[in-house]
């Protein structure tokens, strides 16, 4: 049997939390804007929000469990704090739920920022009446086993999105993004500037003066049309 420090059974302490000011700023920025400023390569839309409404932003505490089993997930709850986002990688399998209304109610009571589940959840009717952010692949009535194995505060993967312990995790109705805290300041600035440009564009549409001349230049650049000299 693997020891507790071996791959597949690792149990690490949670990473330092991202400062509250940064989190509050990110709650005002869409995942689309954040993803755009990571070259459009970071993020996933494979999970859907099951809560009533609201965005999510917080510090990642990660858990990897065997599909359909939540024993180690329960132990990982000793390592979560108010403001964290609990990220559960259950391999994307949806035959068995790995959490539900009881655990999610407990996380809400602790003050977590939300939960992300690369797997299934149950109790969706009740979860849907709450504002506590819950993102998952699917729902099922079939509950979890409690045998293990599993590990926590290790890198996990949700679709193509790799999430490290301590990463910033942001979620809204479009999807989930995650990035290192060291990137937060740049992303907040760049996404805010992009949002301001887009607001100007929306206003131009409403006023009938939207400039679309860039399309021809882009077509020429990518060889989709011929220039006048060809």
Protein backbone atom coordinates (compact mmCIF):
# COMPACT_ATOMS: atom_id res chain seq x y z
CA UNK A 1 0.00 0.00 0.00
CA UNK A 2 1.24 3.48 -0.86
CA UNK A 3 2.48 5.73 1.90
CA UNK A 4 0.82 9.09 2.48
CA UNK A 5 3.64 10.93 0.68
CA UNK A 6 3.50 8.83 -2.49
CA UNK A 7 1.70 9.76 -5.69
CA UNK A 8 -1.92 8.76 -5.41
CA UNK A 9 -2.02 9.25 -1.64
CA UNK A 10 -0.45 12.67 -1.07
CA UNK A 11 -1.88 14.91 1.63
CA UNK A 12 -0.39 18.39 1.59
CA UNK A 13 -1.14 21.55 3.51
CA UNK A 14 -3.18 24.21 1.72
CA UNK A 15 -1.35 27.02 -0.09
CA UNK A 16 -1.49 30.63 1.16
CA UNK A 17 -4.69 32.43 0.29
CA UNK A 18 -4.94 35.16 -2.31
CA UNK A 19 -5.56 38.58 -0.75
CA UNK A 20 -9.16 39.70 -0.44
CA UNK A 21 -8.73 42.87 -2.51
CA UNK A 22 -7.62 40.82 -5.50
CA UNK A 23 -10.53 38.41 -5.11
CA UNK A 24 -13.04 41.26 -4.89
CA UNK A 25 -11.66 42.77 -8.10
CA UNK A 26 -11.92 39.43 -9.92
CA UNK A 27 -15.55 39.00 -8.89
CA UNK A 28 -16.30 41.97 -11.16
CA UNK A 29 -14.56 40.47 -14.23
CA UNK A 30 -16.02 37.83 -16.54
CA UNK A 31 -14.22 34.57 -17.26
CA UNK A 32 -14.37 35.45 -20.96
CA UNK A 33 -12.32 38.60 -20.46
CA UNK A 34 -9.81 36.73 -18.29
CA UNK A 35 -9.49 33.91 -20.81
CA UNK A 36 -9.00 36.38 -23.69
CA UNK A 37 -6.02 37.82 -21.85
CA UNK A 38 -4.49 34.36 -21.50
CA UNK A 39 -4.48 33.97 -25.30
CA UNK A 40 -7.86 32.23 -25.18
CA UNK A 41 -6.16 28.97 -24.19
CA UNK A 42 -7.04 28.88 -20.49
CA UNK A 43 -10.46 27.87 -19.24
CA UNK A 44 -13.18 25.27 -19.56
CA UNK A 45 -16.89 25.34 -20.25
CA UNK A 46 -17.44 21.64 -19.60
CA UNK A 47 -18.97 22.32 -16.18
CA UNK A 48 -22.30 24.02 -15.58
CA UNK A 49 -23.38 26.10 -12.60
CA UNK A 50 -26.01 24.42 -10.42
CA UNK A 51 -26.49 27.25 -7.94
CA UNK A 52 -29.11 29.98 -8.27
CA UNK A 53 -26.88 32.87 -9.29
CA UNK A 54 -23.57 34.59 -8.66
CA UNK A 55 -19.93 34.56 -9.70
CA UNK A 56 -17.15 32.76 -7.87
CA UNK A 57 -13.54 33.68 -7.10
CA UNK A 58 -11.18 32.27 -4.51
CA UNK A 59 -8.05 30.27 -3.71
CA UNK A 60 -7.86 26.67 -4.94
CA UNK A 61 -7.75 23.76 -2.52
CA UNK A 62 -7.51 20.73 -4.79
CA UNK A 63 -8.62 17.13 -4.30
CA UNK A 64 -8.25 14.09 -6.54
CA UNK A 65 -10.50 11.12 -5.78
CA UNK A 66 -11.28 7.83 -7.41
CA UNK A 67 -14.36 8.08 -9.59
CA UNK A 68 -17.48 7.84 -7.44
CA UNK A 69 -15.62 7.83 -4.10
CA UNK A 70 -15.43 10.70 -1.60
CA UNK A 71 -13.61 9.33 1.47
CA UNK A 72 -10.51 11.49 0.93
CA UNK A 73 -12.70 14.43 -0.05
CA UNK A 74 -14.18 14.32 3.45
CA UNK A 75 -10.66 14.35 4.97
CA UNK A 76 -9.68 17.29 2.76
CA UNK A 77 -12.41 19.37 4.43
CA UNK A 78 -10.03 19.70 7.39
CA UNK A 79 -7.81 21.83 5.11
CA UNK A 80 -10.31 24.32 3.66
CA UNK A 81 -10.82 27.91 4.83
CA UNK A 82 -13.28 30.72 4.29
CA UNK A 83 -12.61 32.17 0.85
CA UNK A 84 -11.27 28.94 -0.69
CA UNK A 85 -12.63 27.23 -3.80
CA UNK A 86 -12.68 23.46 -3.33
CA UNK A 87 -11.69 21.85 -6.66
CA UNK A 88 -12.56 18.15 -6.88
CA UNK A 89 -11.14 16.07 -9.73
CA UNK A 90 -13.22 12.91 -9.91
CA UNK A 91 -11.94 12.02 -13.36
CA UNK A 92 -14.95 13.50 -15.11
CA UNK A 93 -17.02 10.39 -14.38
CA UNK A 94 -20.71 11.00 -13.69
CA UNK A 95 -22.03 7.54 -12.77
CA UNK A 96 -21.82 8.35 -9.05
CA UNK A 97 -22.04 11.72 -7.31
CA UNK A 98 -19.01 12.57 -5.17
CA UNK A 99 -20.81 15.26 -3.18
CA UNK A 100 -24.26 16.68 -2.57
CA UNK A 101 -26.42 18.99 -0.53
CA UNK A 102 -25.04 17.97 2.89
CA UNK A 103 -21.38 18.62 2.13
CA UNK A 104 -22.16 21.71 0.10
CA UNK A 105 -24.23 23.07 2.98
CA UNK A 106 -21.22 22.50 5.23
CA UNK A 107 -18.89 24.34 2.84
CA UNK A 108 -21.30 27.25 2.69
CA UNK A 109 -21.41 27.34 6.49
CA UNK A 110 -17.59 27.49 6.57
CA UNK A 111 -17.62 30.49 4.23
CA UNK A 112 -15.98 28.91 1.20
CA UNK A 113 -16.15 30.79 -2.09
CA UNK A 114 -17.48 27.77 -3.97
CA UNK A 115 -16.90 24.23 -5.23
CA UNK A 116 -15.81 22.92 -8.64
CA UNK A 117 -16.48 19.25 -9.37
CA UNK A 118 -15.00 17.39 -12.32
CA UNK A 119 -17.68 14.79 -11.82
CA UNK A 120 -21.26 14.58 -10.63
CA UNK A 121 -23.25 16.15 -7.81
CA UNK A 122 -26.64 15.31 -6.37
CA UNK A 123 -29.27 17.25 -4.45
CA UNK A 124 -29.46 19.72 -7.31
CA UNK A 125 -32.97 20.91 -6.48
CA UNK A 126 -31.81 22.24 -3.12
CA UNK A 127 -28.45 23.43 -4.43
CA UNK A 128 -30.33 25.37 -7.10
CA UNK A 129 -32.11 27.38 -4.43
CA UNK A 130 -28.82 28.64 -2.97
CA UNK A 131 -26.36 31.29 -4.08
CA UNK A 132 -23.36 29.21 -2.97
CA UNK A 133 -21.38 28.60 -6.21
CA UNK A 134 -21.43 24.97 -7.32
CA UNK A 135 -20.06 23.91 -10.71
CA UNK A 136 -20.21 20.27 -11.86
CA UNK A 137 -20.35 18.12 -14.99
CA UNK A 138 -23.73 16.54 -14.24
CA UNK A 139 -26.17 15.34 -11.62
CA UNK A 140 -27.14 11.82 -10.63
CA UNK A 141 -29.21 10.21 -7.89
CA UNK A 142 -26.47 7.61 -7.28
CA UNK A 143 -24.38 8.43 -4.24
CA UNK A 144 -20.64 8.02 -3.50
CA UNK A 145 -18.63 5.17 -2.05
CA UNK A 146 -16.21 5.75 0.82
CA UNK A 147 -13.23 3.49 0.27
CA UNK A 148 -10.49 5.73 -1.20
CA UNK A 149 -7.86 6.22 -2.47
CA UNK A 150 -7.32 9.91 -3.09
CA UNK A 151 -5.05 12.87 -2.42
CA UNK A 152 -5.31 16.59 -1.86
CA UNK A 153 -3.44 19.82 -2.53
CA UNK A 154 -1.81 18.43 -5.66
CA UNK A 155 -2.17 19.56 -9.31
CA UNK A 156 -5.49 18.46 -10.82
CA UNK A 157 -7.07 18.70 -14.25
CA UNK A 158 -10.60 19.72 -15.20
CA UNK A 159 -11.07 19.18 -18.93
CA UNK A 160 -7.98 20.99 -20.33
CA UNK A 161 -7.69 23.30 -17.33
CA UNK A 162 -4.81 22.45 -14.98
CA UNK A 163 -5.34 23.82 -11.48
CA UNK A 164 -2.53 24.02 -8.94
CA UNK A 165 -3.06 24.35 -5.17
CA UNK A 166 -3.19 28.06 -4.38
CA UNK A 167 -4.25 29.10 -7.88
CA UNK A 168 -6.92 31.74 -8.31
CA UNK A 169 -10.15 30.11 -9.53
CA UNK A 170 -12.86 32.24 -11.13
CA UNK A 171 -16.22 30.97 -12.34
CA UNK A 172 -19.39 32.31 -13.91
CA UNK A 173 -22.10 31.13 -16.30
CA UNK A 174 -19.58 30.93 -19.18
CA UNK A 175 -17.12 28.63 -17.42
CA UNK A 176 -14.10 28.35 -15.15
CA UNK A 177 -10.60 29.83 -15.41
CA UNK A 178 -7.61 29.38 -13.10
CA UNK A 179 -4.19 30.99 -12.93
CA UNK A 180 -1.28 31.62 -10.58
CA UNK A 181 -1.72 34.51 -8.10
CA UNK A 182 1.32 36.19 -9.65
CA UNK A 183 -0.72 36.71 -12.84
CA UNK A 184 -3.70 38.31 -11.10
CA UNK A 185 -2.59 41.95 -11.20
CA UNK A 186 -1.78 41.84 -14.92
CA UNK A 187 -5.01 40.04 -15.77
CA UNK A 188 -7.17 42.43 -13.77
CA UNK A 189 -5.60 45.41 -15.53
CA UNK A 190 -5.76 43.90 -19.02
CA UNK A 191 -9.30 42.55 -18.63
CA UNK A 192 -10.55 45.86 -17.25
CA UNK A 193 -9.04 47.73 -20.19
CA UNK A 194 -10.60 45.26 -22.63
CA UNK A 195 -13.98 45.63 -20.93
CA UNK A 196 -13.78 49.41 -21.34
CA UNK A 197 -13.02 49.00 -25.05
CA UNK A 198 -15.94 46.61 -25.47
CA UNK A 199 -18.30 49.03 -23.72
CA UNK A 200 -17.23 51.70 -26.20
CA UNK A 201 -17.91 49.26 -29.04
CA UNK A 202 -21.38 48.42 -27.72
CA UNK A 203 -22.16 52.12 -27.46
CA UNK A 204 -20.99 52.61 -31.06
CA UNK A 205 -23.35 49.85 -32.22
CA UNK A 206 -26.25 51.49 -30.45
CA UNK A 207 -25.37 54.83 -32.09
CA UNK A 208 -24.94 53.31 -35.56
CA UNK A 209 -21.21 54.05 -35.90
CA UNK A 210 -19.51 50.69 -35.34
CA UNK A 211 -16.22 50.58 -37.27
CA UNK A 212 -15.90 47.24 -39.08
CA UNK A 213 -13.09 48.18 -41.45
CA UNK A 214 -10.69 45.90 -39.56
CA UNK A 215 -12.34 42.84 -41.18
CA UNK A 216 -10.83 43.48 -44.62
CA UNK A 217 -7.37 44.01 -43.14
CA UNK A 218 -7.67 40.72 -41.26
CA UNK A 219 -8.79 38.90 -44.41
CA UNK A 220 -5.82 40.26 -46.32
CA UNK A 221 -3.44 39.29 -43.54
CA UNK A 222 -4.65 35.69 -43.53
CA UNK A 223 -4.90 35.35 -47.32
CA UNK A 224 -8.68 35.10 -47.43
CA UNK A 225 -9.00 37.81 -50.10
CA UNK A 226 -6.63 39.21 -52.70
CA UNK A 227 -5.26 42.71 -52.52
CA UNK A 228 -5.80 45.16 -55.39
CA UNK A 229 -2.22 44.62 -56.59
CA UNK A 230 -2.59 40.84 -57.07
